[in-house]
Structures are given as structure tokens and as C-alpha cells.
Amino acid sequence: MLGSILYLLTNQYGLLVRVRQLLLSKRKEIHAFIRKTVADKYGKEVADNLTILYGGSCNAKNAASLFANPDVDGGLIGGAALVADDFITIIQSMK
């Protein structure tokens, strides 16, 4: 049985897809596929409580479109967090 907290991290260099850049639609498909696969195997409740983080290049310019996807629950922010205004934009796009 899965624990009550399960985090998955995806990125454009991961095992699921090995290409340098994915179109936003592919990112959406991958995250939806992960959630559906978990739902099929462990049930809807587990899938609904699953946190899927995007670990690719998240920045102030693409954060809003990434986080608009209902299957993306957050992201790992790297260098974009070093510029305060960019980081604030990323945080605000999560609302």
C-alpha cells in the first residue's frame, strides 16, 4: 500500500521521454498519463492526492502555462529563484 504522501517528479530529460524540449501539450499528456496510471493501479483517491511536480525549466515566462495544467501540482525552481522578481512571478502563477 502506498503511504499517504507520494511525490513524483517529471522533467524533459526523464525516463518517460528523452528529448531536449517538449511542447507544452506533451508535458500535459505526460502528467495526465502519470495521474491516470496511478488511478488505474491504486484508485482515484490516491491519484487525486498525488502531488506531481514539474522539474524541467520552470521560469517566470512559462510558469503560468505550466501551472495551468490541472495535473501539474508544482515545480522545482532552480536558477529562476535567484532573481526576486522572477521568483515572485512564479509564486503568483501558482494561485
C-alpha atoms as a PDB file:
ATOM      1  CA  MET A   1       0.000   0.000   0.000  1.00  0.00           C
ATOM      2  CA  LEU A   2       1.233   3.474  -0.817  1.00  0.00           C
ATOM      3  CA  GLY A   3       1.832   5.880   2.021  1.00  0.00           C
ATOM      4  CA  SER A   4      -0.327   8.939   2.457  1.00  0.00           C
ATOM      5  CA  ILE A   5       2.251  11.140   0.734  1.00  0.00           C
ATOM      6  CA  LEU A   6       3.706  10.336  -2.664  1.00  0.00           C
ATOM      7  CA  TYR A   7       5.639  12.807  -4.770  1.00  0.00           C
ATOM      8  CA  LEU A   8       6.557  12.276  -8.400  1.00  0.00           C
ATOM      9  CA  LEU A   9       8.955  14.454 -10.320  1.00  0.00           C
ATOM     10  CA  THR A  10       8.998  14.667 -14.086  1.00  0.00           C
ATOM     11  CA  ASN A  11      11.199  16.579 -16.431  1.00  0.00           C
ATOM     12  CA  GLN A  12      12.032  16.712 -20.096  1.00  0.00           C
ATOM     13  CA  TYR A  13      15.179  14.625 -19.547  1.00  0.00           C
ATOM     14  CA  GLY A  14      13.500  11.874 -17.528  1.00  0.00           C
ATOM     15  CA  LEU A  15      12.883   8.254 -18.368  1.00  0.00           C
ATOM     16  CA  LEU A  16       9.440   8.886 -19.826  1.00  0.00           C
ATOM     17  CA  VAL A  17      10.552  10.985 -22.759  1.00  0.00           C
ATOM     18  CA  ARG A  18      14.139  11.556 -23.832  1.00  0.00           C
ATOM     19  CA  VAL A  19      14.091  14.742 -25.871  1.00  0.00           C
ATOM     20  CA  ARG A  20      15.645  18.128 -25.189  1.00  0.00           C
ATOM     21  CA  GLN A  21      12.465  20.180 -25.462  1.00  0.00           C
ATOM     22  CA  LEU A  22       8.879  19.041 -25.226  1.00  0.00           C
ATOM     23  CA  LEU A  23       5.936  21.043 -26.400  1.00  0.00           C
ATOM     24  CA  LEU A  24       3.642  22.118 -23.590  1.00  0.00           C
ATOM     25  CA  SER A  25       0.983  19.708 -24.862  1.00  0.00           C
ATOM     26  CA  LYS A  26       3.404  16.776 -24.379  1.00  0.00           C
ATOM     27  CA  ARG A  27       4.125  17.878 -20.824  1.00  0.00           C
ATOM     28  CA  LYS A  28       0.393  17.918 -20.162  1.00  0.00           C
ATOM     29  CA  GLU A  29      -0.005  14.465 -21.680  1.00  0.00           C
ATOM     30  CA  ILE A  30       2.802  13.029 -19.561  1.00  0.00           C
ATOM     31  CA  HIS A  31       1.416  14.409 -16.310  1.00  0.00           C
ATOM     32  CA  ALA A  32      -2.111  13.243 -17.180  1.00  0.00           C
ATOM     33  CA  PHE A  33      -0.731   9.799 -18.068  1.00  0.00           C
ATOM     34  CA  ILE A  34       1.025   9.544 -14.701  1.00  0.00           C
ATOM     35  CA  ARG A  35      -2.116  10.503 -12.773  1.00  0.00           C
ATOM     36  CA  LYS A  36      -4.296   8.090 -14.810  1.00  0.00           C
ATOM     37  CA  THR A  37      -1.802   5.249 -14.369  1.00  0.00           C
ATOM     38  CA  VAL A  38      -1.767   5.761 -10.605  1.00  0.00           C
ATOM     39  CA  ALA A  39      -5.593   5.915 -10.578  1.00  0.00           C
ATOM     40  CA  ASP A  40      -5.853   2.704 -12.576  1.00  0.00           C
ATOM     41  CA  LYS A  41      -3.450   0.864 -10.277  1.00  0.00           C
ATOM     42  CA  TYR A  42      -4.181   2.367  -6.845  1.00  0.00           C
ATOM     43  CA  GLY A  43      -7.551   4.097  -7.178  1.00  0.00           C
ATOM     44  CA  LYS A  44      -8.915   7.581  -7.758  1.00  0.00           C
ATOM     45  CA  GLU A  45      -8.419   8.737  -4.174  1.00  0.00           C
ATOM     46  CA  VAL A  46      -4.691   8.022  -4.291  1.00  0.00           C
ATOM     47  CA  ALA A  47      -4.384   9.680  -7.719  1.00  0.00           C
ATOM     48  CA  ASP A  48      -6.331  12.746  -6.569  1.00  0.00           C
ATOM     49  CA  ASN A  49      -3.996  13.124  -3.584  1.00  0.00           C
ATOM     50  CA  LEU A  50      -0.866  12.576  -5.652  1.00  0.00           C
ATOM     51  CA  THR A  51       1.468  15.549  -5.978  1.00  0.00           C
ATOM     52  CA  ILE A  52       3.151  15.715  -9.372  1.00  0.00           C
ATOM     53  CA  LEU A  53       5.914  18.286  -9.626  1.00  0.00           C
ATOM     54  CA  TYR A  54       7.343  19.532 -12.886  1.00  0.00           C
ATOM     55  CA  GLY A  55      11.126  19.507 -12.723  1.00  0.00           C
ATOM     56  CA  GLY A  56      12.051  20.969 -16.085  1.00  0.00           C
ATOM     57  CA  SER A  57      12.880  24.526 -16.952  1.00  0.00           C
ATOM     58  CA  CYS A  58      10.305  26.487 -14.986  1.00  0.00           C
ATOM     59  CA  ASN A  59      10.758  30.248 -15.122  1.00  0.00           C
ATOM     60  CA  ALA A  60       8.781  33.481 -14.931  1.00  0.00           C
ATOM     61  CA  LYS A  61       7.854  33.279 -18.626  1.00  0.00           C
ATOM     62  CA  ASN A  62       6.429  29.748 -18.684  1.00  0.00           C
ATOM     63  CA  ALA A  63       5.241  29.205 -15.099  1.00  0.00           C
ATOM     64  CA  ALA A  64       1.654  30.342 -15.666  1.00  0.00           C
ATOM     65  CA  SER A  65       1.150  27.985 -18.611  1.00  0.00           C
ATOM     66  CA  LEU A  66       2.805  25.080 -16.782  1.00  0.00           C
ATOM     67  CA  PHE A  67       0.769  25.525 -13.614  1.00  0.00           C
ATOM     68  CA  ALA A  68      -2.479  25.986 -15.548  1.00  0.00           C
ATOM     69  CA  ASN A  69      -2.328  22.235 -16.193  1.00  0.00           C
ATOM     70  CA  PRO A  70      -4.518  20.533 -13.535  1.00  0.00           C
ATOM     71  CA  ASP A  71      -2.074  17.602 -13.385  1.00  0.00           C
ATOM     72  CA  VAL A  72       0.922  19.802 -12.528  1.00  0.00           C
ATOM     73  CA  ASP A  73       0.849  20.477  -8.799  1.00  0.00           C
ATOM     74  CA  GLY A  74       4.040  22.485  -8.596  1.00  0.00           C
ATOM     75  CA  GLY A  75       7.592  22.602  -9.796  1.00  0.00           C
ATOM     76  CA  LEU A  76      11.177  22.553  -8.731  1.00  0.00           C
ATOM     77  CA  ILE A  77      12.537  26.038  -9.291  1.00  0.00           C
ATOM     78  CA  GLY A  78      16.251  26.381  -9.881  1.00  0.00           C
ATOM     79  CA  GLY A  79      18.076  29.459 -11.108  1.00  0.00           C
ATOM     80  CA  ALA A  80      14.832  31.380 -11.612  1.00  0.00           C
ATOM     81  CA  ALA A  81      14.563  31.613  -7.833  1.00  0.00           C
ATOM     82  CA  LEU A  82      17.725  33.712  -7.707  1.00  0.00           C
ATOM     83  CA  VAL A  83      16.007  36.708  -9.295  1.00  0.00           C
ATOM     84  CA  ALA A  84      13.471  38.011  -6.786  1.00  0.00           C
ATOM     85  CA  ASP A  85      11.024  39.493  -9.313  1.00  0.00           C
ATOM     86  CA  ASP A  86      11.047  36.295 -11.389  1.00  0.00           C
ATOM     87  CA  PHE A  87      10.531  34.135  -8.322  1.00  0.00           C
ATOM     88  CA  ILE A  88       7.582  36.293  -7.206  1.00  0.00           C
ATOM     89  CA  THR A  89       6.050  35.920 -10.679  1.00  0.00           C
ATOM     90  CA  ILE A  90       6.426  32.124 -10.433  1.00  0.00           C
ATOM     91  CA  ILE A  91       4.841  32.038  -6.976  1.00  0.00           C
ATOM     92  CA  GLN A  92       1.950  34.232  -8.105  1.00  0.00           C
ATOM     93  CA  SER A  93       1.301  31.975 -11.086  1.00  0.00           C
ATOM     94  CA  MET A  94       0.551  29.100  -8.693  1.00  0.00           C
ATOM     95  CA  LYS A  95      -2.648  30.793  -7.481  1.00  0.00           C
END
